[in-house]
Amino acid sequence: MKPTVIALGFFDGVHKGHGELLKCAVQRAKELGAAPAVFTFDRPPKEVVTGKPVFLINSAEDRQDLIHRIYGIEQVILAPFDEKMMTMHWEDFITELLIKQYGAVHLVAGHDYHFGYKNEGTPELLMQKCRELGIGCDIIPKVEYDGITVSSTYIRTLVKNGELERAAEFLGHRHCLSQTVTHGHRIGRTIGIPTVNLAVPGHVLVPDHGVYVTRVYLPDGRSFPGVTNVGTRPTVSESGTISVETFILDFDGDLYEQRIRVEFFTHLRGEQKFSSLEELKQQIHRDIAATRAYFHENGID
């Protein structure tokens, strides 16, 4: 087994603060001839402990993709947060799991990282134990941007409020949703504006209801501008079910059952109920024109 340098954390959103951990892990791995890795959980520990749902910025799959795609982490260990994990002593977490099972020769954690039974493990104890065991350890201090500590909690508020441009400043990348395209109600086809429909994974936040400038990344590597509606589609449905529907500009093809990534750039307008499909169609064409203008004015291909 190749030795690993492991960054520790939950990494919801994979924001700029997380980025400092991940960049450190990659650098240490180069120095030590090891593989850069991340150890994280499949679900939020807080949700398991309290029994209350925790809504996240990203799904586990998107977290894995961001960690690998943006920061070049080779291995993402997505461990189940179960009874065994919840009751594991903090020292066993380091020695039995990270070192013996995953070959850790160096650990990287944030200034507020806690682990083990009842969160008894602290950054100070982690440093101390690593010294005793003769392995390296870096504790990354808090990261601030615009005078505010970069945190998943703050970014969740931005996403929830539809402030996607500001969220991108703290994330270091565009907020995204990756999912397999499912069949919608095909209303878009009847008005000549076909859309792709993405179901939102359970316990994942959606931006504030409304229409957004987006970019859509296809499995073949191509990307196209998009107009994305997040909400309940009040003009054509009374179900109240939240959907994420995107019209992809300059694209003609079938994406059903394919996994795509939608990246959110900016909020265009709130969700509206129109008096007719023709009125909805006219507004969507205005949204398309506004999207083209946004990409042109910002020099984005």
C-alpha atoms as a PDB file:
ATOM      1  CA  MET A   1       0.000   0.000   0.000  1.00  0.00           C
ATOM      2  CA  LYS A   2       1.332   3.410  -0.983  1.00  0.00           C
ATOM      3  CA  PRO A   3       1.711   5.741   2.015  1.00  0.00           C
ATOM      4  CA  THR A   4      -0.802   8.572   2.202  1.00  0.00           C
ATOM      5  CA  VAL A   5      -1.015  12.152   3.364  1.00  0.00           C
ATOM      6  CA  ILE A   6      -4.576  12.520   4.598  1.00  0.00           C
ATOM      7  CA  ALA A   7      -6.569  15.730   4.900  1.00  0.00           C
ATOM      8  CA  LEU A   8      -9.317  15.431   7.512  1.00  0.00           C
ATOM      9  CA  GLY A   9     -12.727  17.108   7.413  1.00  0.00           C
ATOM     10  CA  PHE A  10     -16.279  16.950   6.127  1.00  0.00           C
ATOM     11  CA  PHE A  11     -15.606  19.362   3.241  1.00  0.00           C
ATOM     12  CA  ASP A  12     -19.169  20.471   2.559  1.00  0.00           C
ATOM     13  CA  GLY A  13     -18.923  22.930  -0.320  1.00  0.00           C
ATOM     14  CA  VAL A  14     -15.150  22.366  -0.658  1.00  0.00           C
ATOM     15  CA  HIS A  15     -14.564  26.077   0.007  1.00  0.00           C
ATOM     16  CA  LYS A  16     -11.408  28.202   0.170  1.00  0.00           C
ATOM     17  CA  GLY A  17     -10.744  27.169   3.771  1.00  0.00           C
ATOM     18  CA  HIS A  18     -10.876  23.513   2.791  1.00  0.00           C
ATOM     19  CA  GLY A  19      -8.684  24.377  -0.172  1.00  0.00           C
ATOM     20  CA  GLU A  20      -5.818  25.340   2.143  1.00  0.00           C
ATOM     21  CA  LEU A  21      -5.971  21.869   3.732  1.00  0.00           C
ATOM     22  CA  LEU A  22      -6.104  20.155   0.367  1.00  0.00           C
ATOM     23  CA  LYS A  23      -3.231  22.169  -1.125  1.00  0.00           C
ATOM     24  CA  CYS A  24      -1.150  21.426   1.960  1.00  0.00           C
ATOM     25  CA  ALA A  25      -1.898  17.685   1.634  1.00  0.00           C
ATOM     26  CA  VAL A  26      -0.860  17.696  -2.032  1.00  0.00           C
ATOM     27  CA  GLN A  27       2.389  19.532  -1.238  1.00  0.00           C
ATOM     28  CA  ARG A  28       3.275  17.250   1.690  1.00  0.00           C
ATOM     29  CA  ALA A  29       2.502  14.191  -0.451  1.00  0.00           C
ATOM     30  CA  LYS A  30       4.946  15.417  -3.112  1.00  0.00           C
ATOM     31  CA  GLU A  31       7.637  15.941  -0.479  1.00  0.00           C
ATOM     32  CA  LEU A  32       7.101  12.478   1.027  1.00  0.00           C
ATOM     33  CA  GLY A  33       6.484  10.501  -2.163  1.00  0.00           C
ATOM     34  CA  ALA A  34       3.016   9.649  -0.872  1.00  0.00           C
ATOM     35  CA  ALA A  35      -0.505   9.804  -2.290  1.00  0.00           C
ATOM     36  CA  PRO A  36      -2.642  12.836  -1.331  1.00  0.00           C
ATOM     37  CA  ALA A  37      -5.911  11.645   0.203  1.00  0.00           C
ATOM     38  CA  VAL A  38      -8.992  12.880   2.030  1.00  0.00           C
ATOM     39  CA  PHE A  39     -10.836  11.137   4.836  1.00  0.00           C
ATOM     40  CA  THR A  40     -14.453  12.226   5.134  1.00  0.00           C
ATOM     41  CA  PHE A  41     -17.894  10.833   5.956  1.00  0.00           C
ATOM     42  CA  ASP A  42     -20.849   9.840   3.821  1.00  0.00           C
ATOM     43  CA  ARG A  43     -23.223  11.927   5.959  1.00  0.00           C
ATOM     44  CA  PRO A  44     -22.897  14.745   8.490  1.00  0.00           C
ATOM     45  CA  PRO A  45     -22.008  13.388  11.937  1.00  0.00           C
ATOM     46  CA  LYS A  46     -24.293  16.036  13.471  1.00  0.00           C
ATOM     47  CA  GLU A  47     -27.264  14.537  11.613  1.00  0.00           C
ATOM     48  CA  VAL A  48     -26.562  11.053  12.967  1.00  0.00           C
ATOM     49  CA  VAL A  49     -25.983  12.253  16.524  1.00  0.00           C
ATOM     50  CA  THR A  50     -29.017  14.569  16.745  1.00  0.00           C
ATOM     51  CA  GLY A  51     -31.387  12.698  14.442  1.00  0.00           C
ATOM     52  CA  LYS A  52     -32.223  15.974  12.701  1.00  0.00           C
ATOM     53  CA  PRO A  53     -31.595  16.445   8.959  1.00  0.00           C
ATOM     54  CA  VAL A  54     -28.690  18.697   8.008  1.00  0.00           C
ATOM     55  CA  PHE A  55     -29.015  20.330   4.599  1.00  0.00           C
ATOM     56  CA  LEU A  56     -25.710  20.473   2.753  1.00  0.00           C
ATOM     57  CA  ILE A  57     -24.174  22.576  -0.002  1.00  0.00           C
ATOM     58  CA  ASN A  58     -23.228  19.501  -2.032  1.00  0.00           C
ATOM     59  CA  SER A  59     -24.006  15.816  -2.309  1.00  0.00           C
ATOM     60  CA  ALA A  60     -21.293  13.318  -1.350  1.00  0.00           C
ATOM     61  CA  GLU A  61     -20.663  12.705  -5.067  1.00  0.00           C
ATOM     62  CA  ASP A  62     -20.153  16.406  -5.770  1.00  0.00           C
ATOM     63  CA  ARG A  63     -17.830  16.733  -2.770  1.00  0.00           C
ATOM     64  CA  GLN A  64     -15.708  13.886  -4.119  1.00  0.00           C
ATOM     65  CA  ASP A  65     -15.647  15.401  -7.600  1.00  0.00           C
ATOM     66  CA  LEU A  66     -14.667  18.883  -6.398  1.00  0.00           C
ATOM     67  CA  ILE A  67     -11.893  17.524  -4.159  1.00  0.00           C
ATOM     68  CA  HIS A  68     -10.423  15.519  -7.032  1.00  0.00           C
ATOM     69  CA  ARG A  69     -11.099  17.881  -9.964  1.00  0.00           C
ATOM     70  CA  ILE A  70     -10.030  21.185  -8.411  1.00  0.00           C
ATOM     71  CA  TYR A  71      -7.297  20.099  -6.010  1.00  0.00           C
ATOM     72  CA  GLY A  72      -5.922  16.896  -7.538  1.00  0.00           C
ATOM     73  CA  ILE A  73      -6.508  14.665  -4.517  1.00  0.00           C
ATOM     74  CA  GLU A  74      -5.933  11.079  -5.673  1.00  0.00           C
ATOM     75  CA  GLN A  75      -7.988   9.204  -3.087  1.00  0.00           C
ATOM     76  CA  VAL A  76     -11.219  10.253  -1.373  1.00  0.00           C
ATOM     77  CA  ILE A  77     -12.092   7.925   1.495  1.00  0.00           C
ATOM     78  CA  LEU A  78     -15.855   8.273   2.012  1.00  0.00           C
ATOM     79  CA  ALA A  79     -16.421   6.388   5.259  1.00  0.00           C
ATOM     80  CA  PRO A  80     -19.851   5.518   6.704  1.00  0.00           C
ATOM     81  CA  PHE A  81     -20.601   7.459   9.880  1.00  0.00           C
ATOM     82  CA  ASP A  82     -22.155   4.566  11.763  1.00  0.00           C
ATOM     83  CA  GLU A  83     -22.331   3.375  15.389  1.00  0.00           C
ATOM     84  CA  LYS A  84     -18.792   1.985  15.258  1.00  0.00           C
ATOM     85  CA  MET A  85     -17.394   5.257  13.936  1.00  0.00           C
ATOM     86  CA  MET A  86     -19.440   7.353  16.361  1.00  0.00           C
ATOM     87  CA  THR A  87     -18.097   5.462  19.404  1.00  0.00           C
ATOM     88  CA  MET A  88     -14.479   5.110  18.263  1.00  0.00           C
ATOM     89  CA  HIS A  89     -11.925   6.553  20.695  1.00  0.00           C
ATOM     90  CA  TRP A  90      -9.999   9.463  19.215  1.00  0.00           C
ATOM     91  CA  GLU A  91      -6.635   7.688  19.565  1.00  0.00           C
ATOM     92  CA  ASP A  92      -7.952   4.583  17.761  1.00  0.00           C
ATOM     93  CA  PHE A  93      -9.215   6.850  14.977  1.00  0.00           C
ATOM     94  CA  ILE A  94      -5.621   7.940  14.367  1.00  0.00           C
ATOM     95  CA  THR A  95      -3.710   4.710  15.007  1.00  0.00           C
ATOM     96  CA  GLU A  96      -6.081   1.921  13.940  1.00  0.00           C
ATOM     97  CA  LEU A  97      -7.938   3.645  11.116  1.00  0.00           C
ATOM     98  CA  LEU A  98      -5.838   6.398   9.539  1.00  0.00           C
ATOM     99  CA  ILE A  99      -2.405   4.840  10.035  1.00  0.00           C
ATOM    100  CA  LYS A 100      -2.953   1.061  10.012  1.00  0.00           C
ATOM    101  CA  GLN A 101      -5.863   0.875   7.569  1.00  0.00           C
ATOM    102  CA  TYR A 102      -5.099   3.779   5.240  1.00  0.00           C
ATOM    103  CA  GLY A 103      -1.323   4.114   5.521  1.00  0.00           C
ATOM    104  CA  ALA A 104      -1.156   7.703   6.780  1.00  0.00           C
ATOM    105  CA  VAL A 105       2.344   9.138   7.180  1.00  0.00           C
ATOM    106  CA  HIS A 106       1.174  12.743   7.567  1.00  0.00           C
ATOM    107  CA  LEU A 107      -2.148  14.294   8.619  1.00  0.00           C
ATOM    108  CA  VAL A 108      -3.654  17.700   7.817  1.00  0.00           C
ATOM    109  CA  ALA A 109      -6.593  19.182   9.721  1.00  0.00           C
ATOM    110  CA  GLY A 110      -8.294  22.514  10.295  1.00  0.00           C
ATOM    111  CA  HIS A 111      -8.019  24.645  13.432  1.00  0.00           C
ATOM    112  CA  ASP A 112     -11.511  23.579  14.563  1.00  0.00           C
ATOM    113  CA  TYR A 113     -11.369  19.865  13.664  1.00  0.00           C
ATOM    114  CA  HIS A 114     -12.813  17.509  16.289  1.00  0.00           C
ATOM    115  CA  PHE A 115     -13.038  13.732  16.023  1.00  0.00           C
ATOM    116  CA  GLY A 116     -13.633  10.484  17.890  1.00  0.00           C
ATOM    117  CA  TYR A 117     -16.193   9.607  20.548  1.00  0.00           C
ATOM    118  CA  LYS A 118     -18.039  12.715  21.753  1.00  0.00           C
ATOM    119  CA  ASN A 119     -15.658  14.831  19.659  1.00  0.00           C
ATOM    120  CA  GLU A 120     -12.988  14.396  22.315  1.00  0.00           C
ATOM    121  CA  GLY A 121     -10.193  14.565  19.735  1.00  0.00           C
ATOM    122  CA  THR A 122      -8.902  18.099  19.171  1.00  0.00           C
ATOM    123  CA  PRO A 123      -6.258  19.672  16.899  1.00  0.00           C
ATOM    124  CA  GLU A 124      -3.928  19.898  19.909  1.00  0.00           C
ATOM    125  CA  LEU A 125      -4.352  16.196  20.743  1.00  0.00           C
ATOM    126  CA  LEU A 126      -3.903  15.309  17.069  1.00  0.00           C
ATOM    127  CA  MET A 127      -0.603  17.198  16.931  1.00  0.00           C
ATOM    128  CA  GLN A 128       0.571  15.606  20.180  1.00  0.00           C
ATOM    129  CA  LYS A 129      -0.294  12.068  19.080  1.00  0.00           C
ATOM    130  CA  CYS A 130       1.366  12.507  15.698  1.00  0.00           C
ATOM    131  CA  ARG A 131       4.569  13.648  17.423  1.00  0.00           C
ATOM    132  CA  GLU A 132       4.460  10.562  19.664  1.00  0.00           C
ATOM    133  CA  LEU A 133       3.986   8.305  16.639  1.00  0.00           C
ATOM    134  CA  GLY A 134       6.670  10.029  14.584  1.00  0.00           C
ATOM    135  CA  ILE A 135       4.411  11.146  11.764  1.00  0.00           C
ATOM    136  CA  GLY A 136       3.884  14.666  10.425  1.00  0.00           C
ATOM    137  CA  CYS A 137       0.903  16.901  11.128  1.00  0.00           C
ATOM    138  CA  ASP A 138      -0.223  20.329   9.891  1.00  0.00           C
ATOM    139  CA  ILE A 139      -3.022  22.313  11.524  1.00  0.00           C
ATOM    140  CA  ILE A 140      -4.387  24.937   9.138  1.00  0.00           C
ATOM    141  CA  PRO A 141      -5.522  28.229  10.698  1.00  0.00           C
ATOM    142  CA  LYS A 142      -8.890  29.772   9.847  1.00  0.00           C
ATOM    143  CA  VAL A 143      -9.169  31.425   6.445  1.00  0.00           C
ATOM    144  CA  GLU A 144     -10.866  34.788   6.063  1.00  0.00           C
ATOM    145  CA  TYR A 145     -12.215  36.569   3.012  1.00  0.00           C
ATOM    146  CA  ASP A 146     -13.585  40.104   2.998  1.00  0.00           C
ATOM    147  CA  GLY A 147     -13.218  40.164   6.791  1.00  0.00           C
ATOM    148  CA  ILE A 148     -15.409  37.072   7.243  1.00  0.00           C
ATOM    149  CA  THR A 149     -14.277  33.577   8.261  1.00  0.00           C
ATOM    150  CA  VAL A 150     -14.780  31.194   5.351  1.00  0.00           C
ATOM    151  CA  SER A 151     -17.193  28.512   6.582  1.00  0.00           C
ATOM    152  CA  SER A 152     -19.745  26.093   5.182  1.00  0.00           C
ATOM    153  CA  THR A 153     -22.362  27.598   7.509  1.00  0.00           C
ATOM    154  CA  TYR A 154     -21.980  31.071   5.983  1.00  0.00           C
ATOM    155  CA  ILE A 155     -21.908  29.703   2.422  1.00  0.00           C
ATOM    156  CA  ARG A 156     -25.088  27.704   3.051  1.00  0.00           C
ATOM    157  CA  THR A 157     -26.841  30.972   3.907  1.00  0.00           C
ATOM    158  CA  LEU A 158     -25.599  32.563   0.673  1.00  0.00           C
ATOM    159  CA  VAL A 159     -26.763  29.600  -1.434  1.00  0.00           C
ATOM    160  CA  LYS A 160     -30.131  29.480   0.308  1.00  0.00           C
ATOM    161  CA  ASN A 161     -30.604  33.201  -0.417  1.00  0.00           C
ATOM    162  CA  GLY A 162     -29.603  32.845  -4.068  1.00  0.00           C
ATOM    163  CA  GLU A 163     -26.436  34.947  -3.634  1.00  0.00           C
ATOM    164  CA  LEU A 164     -24.417  32.705  -5.938  1.00  0.00           C
ATOM    165  CA  GLU A 165     -21.825  35.245  -7.055  1.00  0.00           C
ATOM    166  CA  ARG A 166     -20.847  35.977  -3.453  1.00  0.00           C
ATOM    167  CA  ALA A 167     -20.944  32.250  -2.645  1.00  0.00           C
ATOM    168  CA  ALA A 168     -18.429  31.662  -5.460  1.00  0.00           C
ATOM    169  CA  GLU A 169     -16.043  34.168  -3.850  1.00  0.00           C
ATOM    170  CA  PHE A 170     -15.975  32.092  -0.651  1.00  0.00           C
ATOM    171  CA  LEU A 171     -16.055  28.717  -2.377  1.00  0.00           C
ATOM    172  CA  GLY A 172     -13.307  29.504  -4.851  1.00  0.00           C
ATOM    173  CA  HIS A 173     -15.443  27.926  -7.573  1.00  0.00           C
ATOM    174  CA  ARG A 174     -19.012  28.078  -8.834  1.00  0.00           C
ATOM    175  CA  HIS A 175     -21.707  26.379  -6.794  1.00  0.00           C
ATOM    176  CA  CYS A 176     -22.697  23.225  -8.646  1.00  0.00           C
ATOM    177  CA  LEU A 177     -25.208  20.404  -8.835  1.00  0.00           C
ATOM    178  CA  SER A 178     -24.355  17.150 -10.614  1.00  0.00           C
ATOM    179  CA  GLN A 179     -27.087  14.632 -11.281  1.00  0.00           C
ATOM    180  CA  THR A 180     -28.407  12.180 -13.858  1.00  0.00           C
ATOM    181  CA  VAL A 181     -30.949  13.763 -16.202  1.00  0.00           C
ATOM    182  CA  THR A 182     -34.463  12.440 -15.551  1.00  0.00           C
ATOM    183  CA  HIS A 183     -37.730  12.744 -17.441  1.00  0.00           C
ATOM    184  CA  GLY A 184     -39.711  15.838 -16.557  1.00  0.00           C
ATOM    185  CA  HIS A 185     -43.181  16.861 -17.740  1.00  0.00           C
ATOM    186  CA  ARG A 186     -41.857  17.902 -21.169  1.00  0.00           C
ATOM    187  CA  ILE A 187     -43.716  21.204 -21.058  1.00  0.00           C
ATOM    188  CA  GLY A 188     -40.633  22.877 -22.506  1.00  0.00           C
ATOM    189  CA  ARG A 189     -40.863  20.799 -25.666  1.00  0.00           C
ATOM    190  CA  THR A 190     -44.438  21.923 -26.285  1.00  0.00           C
ATOM    191  CA  ILE A 191     -43.293  25.568 -26.395  1.00  0.00           C
ATOM    192  CA  GLY A 192     -40.111  24.862 -28.361  1.00  0.00           C
ATOM    193  CA  ILE A 193     -37.760  25.285 -25.394  1.00  0.00           C
ATOM    194  CA  PRO A 194     -36.777  21.769 -24.240  1.00  0.00           C
ATOM    195  CA  THR A 195     -35.145  21.540 -20.816  1.00  0.00           C
ATOM    196  CA  VAL A 196     -33.160  18.964 -18.887  1.00  0.00           C
ATOM    197  CA  ASN A 197     -34.541  18.034 -15.485  1.00  0.00           C
ATOM    198  CA  LEU A 198     -32.403  17.251 -12.432  1.00  0.00           C
ATOM    199  CA  ALA A 199     -33.775  15.827  -9.197  1.00  0.00           C
ATOM    200  CA  VAL A 200     -32.206  17.338  -6.080  1.00  0.00           C
ATOM    201  CA  PRO A 201     -30.589  14.718  -3.815  1.00  0.00           C
ATOM    202  CA  GLY A 202     -32.060  14.400  -0.346  1.00  0.00           C
ATOM    203  CA  HIS A 203     -30.762  16.859   2.259  1.00  0.00           C
ATOM    204  CA  VAL A 204     -29.010  19.009  -0.369  1.00  0.00           C
ATOM    205  CA  LEU A 205     -29.754  22.729  -0.453  1.00  0.00           C
ATOM    206  CA  VAL A 206     -31.189  24.327  -3.557  1.00  0.00           C
ATOM    207  CA  PRO A 207     -30.636  28.012  -4.263  1.00  0.00           C
ATOM    208  CA  ASP A 208     -33.492  30.423  -3.621  1.00  0.00           C
ATOM    209  CA  HIS A 209     -36.355  29.800  -6.056  1.00  0.00           C
ATOM    210  CA  GLY A 210     -35.829  31.698  -9.269  1.00  0.00           C
ATOM    211  CA  VAL A 211     -34.021  31.767 -12.593  1.00  0.00           C
ATOM    212  CA  TYR A 212     -30.232  31.641 -12.856  1.00  0.00           C
ATOM    213  CA  VAL A 213     -27.477  32.064 -15.405  1.00  0.00           C
ATOM    214  CA  THR A 214     -25.668  28.725 -15.441  1.00  0.00           C
ATOM    215  CA  ARG A 215     -23.177  26.662 -17.380  1.00  0.00           C
ATOM    216  CA  VAL A 216     -23.794  23.003 -18.133  1.00  0.00           C
ATOM    217  CA  TYR A 217     -20.962  20.483 -18.359  1.00  0.00           C
ATOM    218  CA  LEU A 218     -21.625  17.331 -20.375  1.00  0.00           C
ATOM    219  CA  PRO A 219     -19.998  13.884 -19.966  1.00  0.00           C
ATOM    220  CA  ASP A 220     -18.008  14.366 -23.192  1.00  0.00           C
ATOM    221  CA  GLY A 221     -16.263  17.445 -21.790  1.00  0.00           C
ATOM    222  CA  ARG A 222     -18.240  20.061 -23.700  1.00  0.00           C
ATOM    223  CA  SER A 223     -19.976  22.889 -21.876  1.00  0.00           C
ATOM    224  CA  PHE A 224     -22.759  25.295 -22.806  1.00  0.00           C
ATOM    225  CA  PRO A 225     -24.462  28.333 -21.272  1.00  0.00           C
ATOM    226  CA  GLY A 226     -27.780  27.568 -19.606  1.00  0.00           C
ATOM    227  CA  VAL A 227     -30.878  29.165 -18.139  1.00  0.00           C
ATOM    228  CA  THR A 228     -31.891  27.275 -15.012  1.00  0.00           C
ATOM    229  CA  ASN A 229     -35.178  27.512 -13.141  1.00  0.00           C
ATOM    230  CA  VAL A 230     -35.130  26.384  -9.513  1.00  0.00           C
ATOM    231  CA  GLY A 231     -38.556  25.984  -7.962  1.00  0.00           C
ATOM    232  CA  THR A 232     -42.017  24.514  -8.283  1.00  0.00           C
ATOM    233  CA  ARG A 233     -42.895  25.690 -11.845  1.00  0.00           C
ATOM    234  CA  PRO A 234     -46.142  27.396 -10.750  1.00  0.00           C
ATOM    235  CA  THR A 235     -47.257  28.165 -14.325  1.00  0.00           C
ATOM    236  CA  VAL A 236     -47.491  24.491 -15.317  1.00  0.00           C
ATOM    237  CA  SER A 237     -47.749  22.575 -12.019  1.00  0.00           C
ATOM    238  CA  GLU A 238     -49.492  22.762  -8.668  1.00  0.00           C
ATOM    239  CA  SER A 239     -47.639  19.831  -7.108  1.00  0.00           C
ATOM    240  CA  GLY A 240     -45.239  21.988  -5.111  1.00  0.00           C
ATOM    241  CA  THR A 241     -42.370  19.624  -5.973  1.00  0.00           C
ATOM    242  CA  ILE A 242     -39.036  21.399  -6.331  1.00  0.00           C
ATOM    243  CA  SER A 243     -37.215  20.832  -9.593  1.00  0.00           C
ATOM    244  CA  VAL A 244     -34.082  22.150 -11.279  1.00  0.00           C
ATOM    245  CA  GLU A 245     -34.741  22.592 -14.991  1.00  0.00           C
ATOM    246  CA  THR A 246     -32.254  23.951 -17.481  1.00  0.00           C
ATOM    247  CA  PHE A 247     -32.528  25.114 -21.067  1.00  0.00           C
ATOM    248  CA  ILE A 248     -29.105  24.583 -22.640  1.00  0.00           C
ATOM    249  CA  LEU A 249     -28.236  27.263 -25.178  1.00  0.00           C
ATOM    250  CA  ASP A 250     -26.861  26.195 -28.566  1.00  0.00           C
ATOM    251  CA  PHE A 251     -27.288  22.508 -27.814  1.00  0.00           C
ATOM    252  CA  ASP A 252     -29.432  19.930 -29.568  1.00  0.00           C
ATOM    253  CA  GLY A 253     -29.312  16.369 -28.289  1.00  0.00           C
ATOM    254  CA  ASP A 254     -30.700  13.799 -25.875  1.00  0.00           C
ATOM    255  CA  LEU A 255     -29.150  13.779 -22.403  1.00  0.00           C
ATOM    256  CA  TYR A 256     -31.598  11.472 -20.629  1.00  0.00           C
ATOM    257  CA  GLU A 257     -29.863   9.081 -18.218  1.00  0.00           C
ATOM    258  CA  GLN A 258     -26.587  10.978 -18.587  1.00  0.00           C
ATOM    259  CA  ARG A 259     -24.882  12.689 -15.655  1.00  0.00           C
ATOM    260  CA  ILE A 260     -24.314  16.421 -16.125  1.00  0.00           C
ATOM    261  CA  ARG A 261     -22.998  19.230 -13.925  1.00  0.00           C
ATOM    262  CA  VAL A 262     -24.787  22.563 -13.648  1.00  0.00           C
ATOM    263  CA  GLU A 263     -22.713  25.475 -12.322  1.00  0.00           C
ATOM    264  CA  PHE A 264     -24.571  28.556 -11.052  1.00  0.00           C
ATOM    265  CA  PHE A 265     -23.283  32.022 -11.987  1.00  0.00           C
ATOM    266  CA  THR A 266     -25.868  34.635 -11.047  1.00  0.00           C
ATOM    267  CA  HIS A 267     -29.535  35.161 -10.162  1.00  0.00           C
ATOM    268  CA  LEU A 268     -31.628  36.631 -12.988  1.00  0.00           C
ATOM    269  CA  ARG A 269     -35.109  36.915 -11.464  1.00  0.00           C
ATOM    270  CA  GLY A 270     -37.512  35.345  -9.016  1.00  0.00           C
ATOM    271  CA  GLU A 271     -39.814  32.500  -9.943  1.00  0.00           C
ATOM    272  CA  GLN A 272     -43.097  33.741 -11.410  1.00  0.00           C
ATOM    273  CA  LYS A 273     -46.496  32.346 -12.308  1.00  0.00           C
ATOM    274  CA  PHE A 274     -47.516  33.399 -15.813  1.00  0.00           C
ATOM    275  CA  SER A 275     -51.047  33.627 -17.175  1.00  0.00           C
ATOM    276  CA  SER A 276     -50.270  31.506 -20.249  1.00  0.00           C
ATOM    277  CA  LEU A 277     -47.606  29.290 -21.793  1.00  0.00           C
ATOM    278  CA  GLU A 278     -47.052  31.951 -24.451  1.00  0.00           C
ATOM    279  CA  GLU A 279     -46.236  34.525 -21.765  1.00  0.00           C
ATOM    280  CA  LEU A 280     -43.849  32.015 -20.137  1.00  0.00           C
ATOM    281  CA  LYS A 281     -42.204  31.394 -23.515  1.00  0.00           C
ATOM    282  CA  GLN A 282     -41.622  35.098 -24.110  1.00  0.00           C
ATOM    283  CA  GLN A 283     -40.044  35.498 -20.667  1.00  0.00           C
ATOM    284  CA  ILE A 284     -37.733  32.527 -21.207  1.00  0.00           C
ATOM    285  CA  HIS A 285     -36.521  34.121 -24.447  1.00  0.00           C
ATOM    286  CA  ARG A 286     -35.743  37.285 -22.471  1.00  0.00           C
ATOM    287  CA  ASP A 287     -33.868  35.126 -19.929  1.00  0.00           C
ATOM    288  CA  ILE A 288     -31.879  33.549 -22.773  1.00  0.00           C
ATOM    289  CA  ALA A 289     -30.926  36.986 -24.105  1.00  0.00           C
ATOM    290  CA  ALA A 290     -29.902  38.108 -20.599  1.00  0.00           C
ATOM    291  CA  THR A 291     -27.758  34.968 -20.210  1.00  0.00           C
ATOM    292  CA  ARG A 292     -25.961  35.570 -23.493  1.00  0.00           C
ATOM    293  CA  ALA A 293     -25.345  39.186 -22.446  1.00  0.00           C
ATOM    294  CA  TYR A 294     -23.963  38.065 -19.058  1.00  0.00           C
ATOM    295  CA  PHE A 295     -21.400  35.731 -20.603  1.00  0.00           C
ATOM    296  CA  HIS A 296     -20.449  38.295 -23.270  1.00  0.00           C
ATOM    297  CA  GLU A 297     -20.055  41.165 -20.782  1.00  0.00           C
ATOM    298  CA  ASN A 298     -17.951  39.026 -18.442  1.00  0.00           C
ATOM    299  CA  GLY A 299     -15.760  37.678 -21.230  1.00  0.00           C
ATOM    300  CA  ILE A 300     -16.740  34.061 -20.573  1.00  0.00           C
ATOM    301  CA  ASP A 301     -16.707  31.701 -23.556  1.00  0.00           C
END
